[in-house]
Amino acid sequence: MRDVVTGFYGDVLGKLIARGRISTTDKVLVVCGGPLDESVMQAVGFRDYVVTNVDGGAADQHQDAEHLTYADGAFDVVIVHAGLHHCHSPHRALLEMYRVARKCALAFEARDSLMMRAAVKLGLTMDYEVNAIQADGTGGVANSAVPNFIYRWTEREVQKTIASYDPAHIAEIEFFHDLRLPIQRLARSQQTVLRLLALTIEPLSRVIATIAPRQCNEFAFAVFKTGKQQPWIS
């Protein structure tokens, strides 16, 4: 059963730890972070980590994900959870994570899919995160008062971004998918129709996640530095 505290975030980290791809003893950097990241780091068991954010009051240290001040390979693992789409250039932030990581850069972001585009058309979600703006005028792009565009990724785009930045080396990229629907909220509804809907879509969501993972709304990608050079590099 999924941990209600860590959710998909903790699930993916747990899988990577269980397979020995990363370790709780790794030195970890979290960018675009906050209280949720702090909770997940502790729940998963990381011992040496730092949570950063462009808003210094939201994390341990002030860091702009697009312009990290750390040296190449300064951390074993670099993580971002739902933060790249708040950057002016999500690609630049991902590449900064990759540069600073010695072993792995891990990102949790939305995936671009036919289902997600249909959800936008139907008004079930949005392209610009207007509701992220706080009363103090923060929460938008680069923590400003301007709502950020919700940049959604595909597997191929991640591969091309990394290959363009580091064409001399072979990176190994692992993708994770899951489908999150508001089943619990619907199940607690006072309306019988909504409760019945929850009972109907719960098994359906599991089927979709199994047979059409690329239509899921939860997406993560772990980019591993293998140290292997391309065969044409002498």
Protein backbone atom coordinates (compact mmCIF):
# COMPACT_ATOMS: atom_id res chain seq x y z
CA MET A 1 0.00 0.00 0.00
CA ARG A 2 1.27 3.45 -0.86
CA ASP A 3 2.57 5.55 2.02
CA VAL A 4 0.11 8.42 2.42
CA VAL A 5 2.93 10.75 3.48
CA THR A 6 5.48 10.14 0.74
CA GLY A 7 3.20 8.93 -2.09
CA PHE A 8 4.71 8.53 -5.58
CA TYR A 9 7.72 10.57 -4.44
CA GLY A 10 8.62 8.06 -1.73
CA ASP A 11 7.64 5.08 -3.90
CA VAL A 12 10.20 5.97 -6.57
CA LEU A 13 12.95 6.72 -4.06
CA GLY A 14 12.22 3.44 -2.30
CA LYS A 15 12.52 1.48 -5.54
CA LEU A 16 15.82 3.11 -6.44
CA ILE A 17 17.21 2.44 -2.95
CA ALA A 18 15.98 -1.17 -2.94
CA ARG A 19 17.74 -1.80 -6.26
CA GLY A 20 20.97 -0.20 -5.07
CA ARG A 21 20.84 2.62 -7.61
CA ILE A 22 21.02 5.22 -4.84
CA SER A 23 21.66 4.91 -1.10
CA THR A 24 20.43 6.56 2.10
CA THR A 25 24.09 7.38 2.78
CA ASP A 26 24.38 9.42 -0.43
CA LYS A 27 24.93 13.16 -0.25
CA VAL A 28 21.67 14.61 -1.55
CA LEU A 29 20.67 18.03 -2.88
CA VAL A 30 17.01 19.01 -3.30
CA VAL A 31 16.25 22.03 -5.51
CA CYS A 32 12.98 23.98 -5.61
CA GLY A 33 12.35 22.32 -2.25
CA GLY A 34 10.27 22.92 0.84
CA PRO A 35 8.61 21.21 3.83
CA LEU A 36 7.30 18.26 1.77
CA ASP A 37 10.81 17.43 0.58
CA GLU A 38 12.11 17.67 4.14
CA SER A 39 9.43 15.21 5.28
CA VAL A 40 10.14 12.76 2.45
CA MET A 41 13.91 12.88 2.97
CA GLN A 42 13.42 11.98 6.62
CA ALA A 43 10.77 9.32 5.92
CA VAL A 44 12.93 7.61 3.30
CA GLY A 45 15.96 7.73 5.59
CA PHE A 46 18.48 10.02 3.90
CA ARG A 47 21.12 11.13 6.40
CA ASP A 48 23.05 13.79 4.49
CA TYR A 49 20.82 16.15 2.52
CA VAL A 50 20.21 19.85 1.95
CA VAL A 51 16.93 21.37 0.75
CA THR A 52 17.24 24.55 -1.32
CA ASN A 53 14.85 27.01 -2.92
CA VAL A 54 15.00 30.36 -4.70
CA ASP A 55 12.87 31.53 -1.76
CA GLY A 56 15.37 31.42 1.10
CA GLY A 57 12.61 31.27 3.68
CA ALA A 58 11.18 28.04 2.26
CA ALA A 59 14.26 25.85 2.63
CA ASP A 60 17.66 25.36 4.28
CA GLN A 61 19.59 27.36 1.68
CA HIS A 62 18.90 29.88 -1.06
CA GLN A 63 19.68 28.49 -4.51
CA ASP A 64 18.33 29.27 -7.96
CA ALA A 65 17.87 25.89 -9.70
CA GLU A 66 18.81 27.47 -13.03
CA HIS A 67 22.08 28.87 -11.64
CA LEU A 68 23.36 26.52 -8.94
CA THR A 69 26.53 27.70 -7.21
CA TYR A 70 27.88 24.21 -6.50
CA ALA A 71 30.78 22.56 -8.30
CA ASP A 72 30.35 19.78 -10.85
CA GLY A 73 29.53 16.50 -9.11
CA ALA A 74 29.24 18.14 -5.69
CA PHE A 75 26.36 15.84 -4.66
CA ASP A 76 25.72 12.15 -5.25
CA VAL A 77 22.03 12.66 -5.99
CA VAL A 78 20.11 15.81 -6.98
CA ILE A 79 16.31 15.80 -6.70
CA VAL A 80 13.47 18.08 -7.73
CA HIS A 81 9.81 17.44 -7.00
CA ALA A 82 7.27 19.48 -8.98
CA GLY A 83 9.69 22.39 -9.26
CA LEU A 84 11.07 22.46 -12.81
CA HIS A 85 7.83 23.90 -14.18
CA HIS A 86 8.29 26.92 -11.90
CA CYS A 87 11.57 27.81 -13.66
CA HIS A 88 11.95 30.19 -16.59
CA SER A 89 13.81 27.36 -18.33
CA PRO A 90 12.96 23.88 -17.00
CA HIS A 91 15.61 22.41 -19.32
CA ARG A 92 18.34 24.62 -17.91
CA ALA A 93 17.38 23.68 -14.36
CA LEU A 94 17.45 19.97 -15.24
CA LEU A 95 20.91 20.35 -16.78
CA GLU A 96 22.16 22.20 -13.72
CA MET A 97 20.94 19.28 -11.63
CA TYR A 98 22.72 16.87 -13.96
CA ARG A 99 25.93 18.92 -13.77
CA VAL A 100 25.97 19.02 -9.96
CA ALA A 101 25.07 15.32 -9.59
CA ARG A 102 27.81 12.72 -9.37
CA LYS A 103 25.52 9.70 -9.72
CA CYS A 104 21.94 10.66 -10.47
CA ALA A 105 19.57 13.54 -11.19
CA LEU A 106 15.97 12.66 -10.30
CA ALA A 107 12.96 14.75 -11.34
CA PHE A 108 9.25 14.47 -10.60
CA GLU A 109 7.18 16.44 -13.10
CA ALA A 110 3.97 16.18 -15.11
CA ARG A 111 4.01 14.20 -18.34
CA ASP A 112 2.70 15.58 -21.62
CA SER A 113 0.09 13.16 -22.97
CA LEU A 114 -3.14 12.99 -24.95
CA MET A 115 -5.06 12.45 -21.74
CA MET A 116 -3.50 15.51 -20.11
CA ARG A 117 -4.20 17.68 -23.16
CA ALA A 118 -7.81 16.49 -23.13
CA ALA A 119 -8.03 17.37 -19.43
CA VAL A 120 -6.85 20.90 -20.24
CA LYS A 121 -9.43 21.21 -23.03
CA LEU A 122 -12.18 20.06 -20.66
CA GLY A 123 -11.10 22.53 -17.98
CA LEU A 124 -10.10 19.78 -15.54
CA THR A 125 -6.60 21.19 -15.28
CA MET A 126 -4.77 24.21 -16.65
CA ASP A 127 -1.77 25.29 -18.67
CA TYR A 128 -0.88 28.21 -16.39
CA GLU A 129 -0.73 27.60 -12.63
CA VAL A 130 -2.83 30.57 -11.59
CA ASN A 131 -3.87 28.99 -8.30
CA ALA A 132 -0.22 28.70 -7.20
CA ILE A 133 0.06 32.44 -6.53
CA GLN A 134 0.10 33.20 -2.80
CA ALA A 135 -1.41 36.21 -1.04
CA ASP A 136 2.06 37.74 -0.67
CA GLY A 137 2.60 37.69 -4.45
CA THR A 138 4.90 34.66 -4.59
CA GLY A 139 4.54 31.14 -5.96
CA GLY A 140 4.67 31.79 -9.70
CA VAL A 141 7.52 31.53 -12.18
CA ALA A 142 10.82 31.92 -10.28
CA ASN A 143 8.66 32.52 -7.19
CA SER A 144 7.23 35.74 -8.65
CA ALA A 145 3.63 36.97 -8.87
CA VAL A 146 3.35 35.82 -12.51
CA PRO A 147 1.64 32.40 -12.87
CA ASN A 148 4.04 29.86 -14.35
CA PHE A 149 3.37 27.79 -17.43
CA ILE A 150 3.05 24.12 -16.44
CA TYR A 151 5.77 22.57 -18.58
CA ARG A 152 5.04 18.87 -19.16
CA TRP A 153 7.67 16.40 -20.34
CA THR A 154 7.95 13.28 -22.49
CA GLU A 155 10.52 10.50 -22.30
CA ARG A 156 12.06 11.42 -25.64
CA GLU A 157 12.43 15.04 -24.62
CA VAL A 158 14.38 14.08 -21.50
CA GLN A 159 16.66 11.85 -23.58
CA LYS A 160 17.34 14.58 -26.16
CA THR A 161 17.99 17.23 -23.51
CA ILE A 162 20.63 15.14 -21.74
CA ALA A 163 22.23 13.91 -24.98
CA SER A 164 22.54 17.47 -26.30
CA TYR A 165 24.23 18.66 -23.10
CA ASP A 166 26.62 15.72 -22.70
CA PRO A 167 27.07 14.09 -26.12
CA ALA A 168 30.38 12.47 -25.17
CA HIS A 169 28.88 10.21 -22.53
CA ILE A 170 26.18 7.57 -22.29
CA ALA A 171 23.53 8.40 -19.70
CA GLU A 172 21.11 5.78 -18.44
CA ILE A 173 17.59 7.09 -17.92
CA GLU A 174 14.87 5.26 -16.01
CA PHE A 175 11.23 6.39 -16.19
CA PHE A 176 8.43 5.91 -13.67
CA HIS A 177 4.67 6.39 -14.15
CA ASP A 178 1.62 6.31 -11.94
CA LEU A 179 -1.96 7.53 -12.08
CA ARG A 180 -3.30 9.70 -9.27
CA LEU A 181 -7.04 10.30 -9.19
CA PRO A 182 -9.03 12.02 -6.42
CA ILE A 183 -10.56 8.70 -5.37
CA GLN A 184 -10.40 9.22 -1.60
CA ARG A 185 -11.97 12.67 -1.83
CA LEU A 186 -14.79 11.33 -3.98
CA ALA A 187 -15.30 8.34 -1.67
CA ARG A 188 -15.83 10.68 1.29
CA SER A 189 -18.39 12.78 -0.57
CA GLN A 190 -21.92 13.13 0.77
CA GLN A 191 -23.23 12.65 -2.77
CA THR A 192 -24.04 9.05 -3.68
CA VAL A 193 -23.18 9.62 -7.33
CA LEU A 194 -19.64 10.72 -6.46
CA ARG A 195 -19.13 7.80 -4.10
CA LEU A 196 -20.23 5.39 -6.81
CA LEU A 197 -17.89 7.13 -9.25
CA ALA A 198 -15.00 6.54 -6.84
CA LEU A 199 -15.81 2.82 -6.69
CA THR A 200 -15.88 2.70 -10.49
CA ILE A 201 -12.72 4.58 -11.32
CA GLU A 202 -10.47 3.03 -8.66
CA PRO A 203 -10.09 -0.33 -10.48
CA LEU A 204 -10.11 1.51 -13.80
CA SER A 205 -7.20 3.69 -12.71
CA ARG A 206 -5.12 0.60 -11.94
CA VAL A 207 -5.88 -0.85 -15.36
CA ILE A 208 -4.90 2.39 -17.11
CA ALA A 209 -1.67 2.63 -15.13
CA THR A 210 -0.80 -0.92 -16.23
CA ILE A 211 -1.72 -0.88 -19.91
CA ALA A 212 -1.15 2.79 -20.75
CA PRO A 213 1.51 4.14 -18.36
CA ARG A 214 2.34 7.06 -20.64
CA GLN A 215 -1.16 8.44 -20.10
CA CYS A 216 -0.62 8.63 -16.34
CA ASN A 217 -0.40 12.01 -14.64
CA GLU A 218 2.49 11.16 -12.31
CA PHE A 219 5.87 10.99 -14.00
CA ALA A 220 9.46 10.76 -12.80
CA PHE A 221 12.80 10.30 -14.51
CA ALA A 222 16.14 9.32 -13.02
CA VAL A 223 19.19 10.24 -15.10
CA PHE A 224 22.24 8.19 -14.14
CA LYS A 225 25.81 9.11 -15.02
CA THR A 226 27.38 5.83 -16.11
CA GLY A 227 30.83 7.26 -16.83
CA LYS A 228 30.81 5.42 -20.15
CA GLN A 229 31.97 7.32 -23.21
CA GLN A 230 30.29 7.13 -26.59
CA PRO A 231 32.03 4.52 -28.82
CA TRP A 232 33.32 7.22 -31.19
CA ILE A 233 35.19 9.04 -28.39
CA SER A 234 38.87 8.04 -28.26
